[in-house]
């Protein structure tokens, strides 16, 4: 639903307890392999969960920045 260098807003899955550690993998078109990262649940309700990444590898940051650059600008 939402993605940044610091975390993500997820709409899939059940409500998770705040502070729970999770591991996720996702793809972006600017990188051939999946980005895998550990994260902490910062909030969760019946509709979405906000997670904070533990830290991305340099190549993951590069791929995400390249992906963000090609997205249409918000007005």
C-alpha atoms as a PDB file:
ATOM      1  CA  UNK A   1       0.000   0.000   0.000  1.00  0.00           C
ATOM      2  CA  UNK A   2       2.884   2.359   0.849  1.00  0.00           C
ATOM      3  CA  UNK A   3       6.656   1.925   0.697  1.00  0.00           C
ATOM      4  CA  UNK A   4       9.601   4.058   1.809  1.00  0.00           C
ATOM      5  CA  UNK A   5      13.243   3.561   2.743  1.00  0.00           C
ATOM      6  CA  UNK A   6      12.174   3.396   6.389  1.00  0.00           C
ATOM      7  CA  UNK A   7       9.272   0.979   6.237  1.00  0.00           C
ATOM      8  CA  UNK A   8       6.000  -0.021   4.655  1.00  0.00           C
ATOM      9  CA  UNK A   9       2.246  -0.011   5.105  1.00  0.00           C
ATOM     10  CA  UNK A  10       0.885  -3.499   4.448  1.00  0.00           C
ATOM     11  CA  UNK A  11      -2.714  -4.509   3.837  1.00  0.00           C
ATOM     12  CA  UNK A  12      -2.259  -8.282   3.671  1.00  0.00           C
ATOM     13  CA  UNK A  13      -2.526 -10.625   6.607  1.00  0.00           C
ATOM     14  CA  UNK A  14      -3.960 -10.578  10.113  1.00  0.00           C
ATOM     15  CA  UNK A  15      -3.591  -7.877  12.758  1.00  0.00           C
ATOM     16  CA  UNK A  16      -0.148  -8.153  14.378  1.00  0.00           C
ATOM     17  CA  UNK A  17       0.919  -7.119  17.883  1.00  0.00           C
ATOM     18  CA  UNK A  18       2.891  -3.879  18.189  1.00  0.00           C
ATOM     19  CA  UNK A  19       6.600  -4.593  18.592  1.00  0.00           C
ATOM     20  CA  UNK A  20       6.462  -7.990  16.890  1.00  0.00           C
ATOM     21  CA  UNK A  21       9.487  -8.810  14.769  1.00  0.00           C
ATOM     22  CA  UNK A  22       8.755  -9.834  11.185  1.00  0.00           C
ATOM     23  CA  UNK A  23      10.747 -10.668   8.087  1.00  0.00           C
ATOM     24  CA  UNK A  24       9.463  -9.684   4.656  1.00  0.00           C
ATOM     25  CA  UNK A  25      10.552 -10.020   1.053  1.00  0.00           C
ATOM     26  CA  UNK A  26       9.285  -7.917  -1.847  1.00  0.00           C
ATOM     27  CA  UNK A  27      10.222  -7.097  -5.425  1.00  0.00           C
ATOM     28  CA  UNK A  28      10.765  -3.821  -7.207  1.00  0.00           C
ATOM     29  CA  UNK A  29      11.282  -3.553 -10.985  1.00  0.00           C
ATOM     30  CA  UNK A  30      14.733  -1.974 -10.593  1.00  0.00           C
ATOM     31  CA  UNK A  31      16.249  -5.127  -9.030  1.00  0.00           C
ATOM     32  CA  UNK A  32      16.238  -8.708 -10.295  1.00  0.00           C
ATOM     33  CA  UNK A  33      16.077 -10.391  -6.904  1.00  0.00           C
ATOM     34  CA  UNK A  34      13.762  -9.814  -3.962  1.00  0.00           C
ATOM     35  CA  UNK A  35      14.614  -7.350  -1.218  1.00  0.00           C
ATOM     36  CA  UNK A  36      14.591  -9.229   2.088  1.00  0.00           C
ATOM     37  CA  UNK A  37      14.572  -7.286   5.346  1.00  0.00           C
ATOM     38  CA  UNK A  38      13.697  -7.682   9.000  1.00  0.00           C
ATOM     39  CA  UNK A  39      11.228  -5.218  10.488  1.00  0.00           C
ATOM     40  CA  UNK A  40       9.264  -4.297  13.588  1.00  0.00           C
ATOM     41  CA  UNK A  41       5.493  -3.817  13.702  1.00  0.00           C
ATOM     42  CA  UNK A  42       4.833  -0.205  14.793  1.00  0.00           C
ATOM     43  CA  UNK A  43       1.021  -0.344  14.583  1.00  0.00           C
ATOM     44  CA  UNK A  44      -1.683  -2.644  13.278  1.00  0.00           C
ATOM     45  CA  UNK A  45      -5.469  -2.643  12.940  1.00  0.00           C
ATOM     46  CA  UNK A  46      -8.058  -4.680  11.044  1.00  0.00           C
ATOM     47  CA  UNK A  47      -7.197  -2.957   7.753  1.00  0.00           C
ATOM     48  CA  UNK A  48      -3.418  -2.441   7.681  1.00  0.00           C
ATOM     49  CA  UNK A  49      -0.089  -2.845   9.459  1.00  0.00           C
ATOM     50  CA  UNK A  50       2.763  -0.332   9.600  1.00  0.00           C
ATOM     51  CA  UNK A  51       6.271  -1.772   9.816  1.00  0.00           C
ATOM     52  CA  UNK A  52       9.666  -0.146  10.310  1.00  0.00           C
ATOM     53  CA  UNK A  53      12.624  -1.749   8.521  1.00  0.00           C
ATOM     54  CA  UNK A  54      15.640  -2.720  10.614  1.00  0.00           C
ATOM     55  CA  UNK A  55      17.948  -1.478   7.899  1.00  0.00           C
ATOM     56  CA  UNK A  56      18.322  -2.007   4.192  1.00  0.00           C
ATOM     57  CA  UNK A  57      21.489  -3.086   2.398  1.00  0.00           C
ATOM     58  CA  UNK A  58      23.148  -0.471   0.184  1.00  0.00           C
ATOM     59  CA  UNK A  59      22.039  -2.229  -3.016  1.00  0.00           C
ATOM     60  CA  UNK A  60      18.445  -2.313  -1.731  1.00  0.00           C
ATOM     61  CA  UNK A  61      18.535   1.429  -0.995  1.00  0.00           C
ATOM     62  CA  UNK A  62      19.916   2.054  -4.503  1.00  0.00           C
ATOM     63  CA  UNK A  63      17.187  -0.093  -6.136  1.00  0.00           C
ATOM     64  CA  UNK A  64      14.418   1.565  -4.128  1.00  0.00           C
ATOM     65  CA  UNK A  65      15.682   5.068  -4.911  1.00  0.00           C
ATOM     66  CA  UNK A  66      15.824   4.212  -8.637  1.00  0.00           C
ATOM     67  CA  UNK A  67      12.274   2.840  -8.395  1.00  0.00           C
ATOM     68  CA  UNK A  68      11.014   5.967  -6.583  1.00  0.00           C
ATOM     69  CA  UNK A  69      12.648   8.199  -9.257  1.00  0.00           C
ATOM     70  CA  UNK A  70      10.575   6.601 -12.018  1.00  0.00           C
ATOM     71  CA  UNK A  71       7.243   7.003 -10.215  1.00  0.00           C
ATOM     72  CA  UNK A  72       5.006   9.889 -11.327  1.00  0.00           C
ATOM     73  CA  UNK A  73       5.389  13.018  -9.206  1.00  0.00           C
ATOM     74  CA  UNK A  74       2.537  13.822  -6.838  1.00  0.00           C
ATOM     75  CA  UNK A  75       0.910  17.196  -7.408  1.00  0.00           C
END
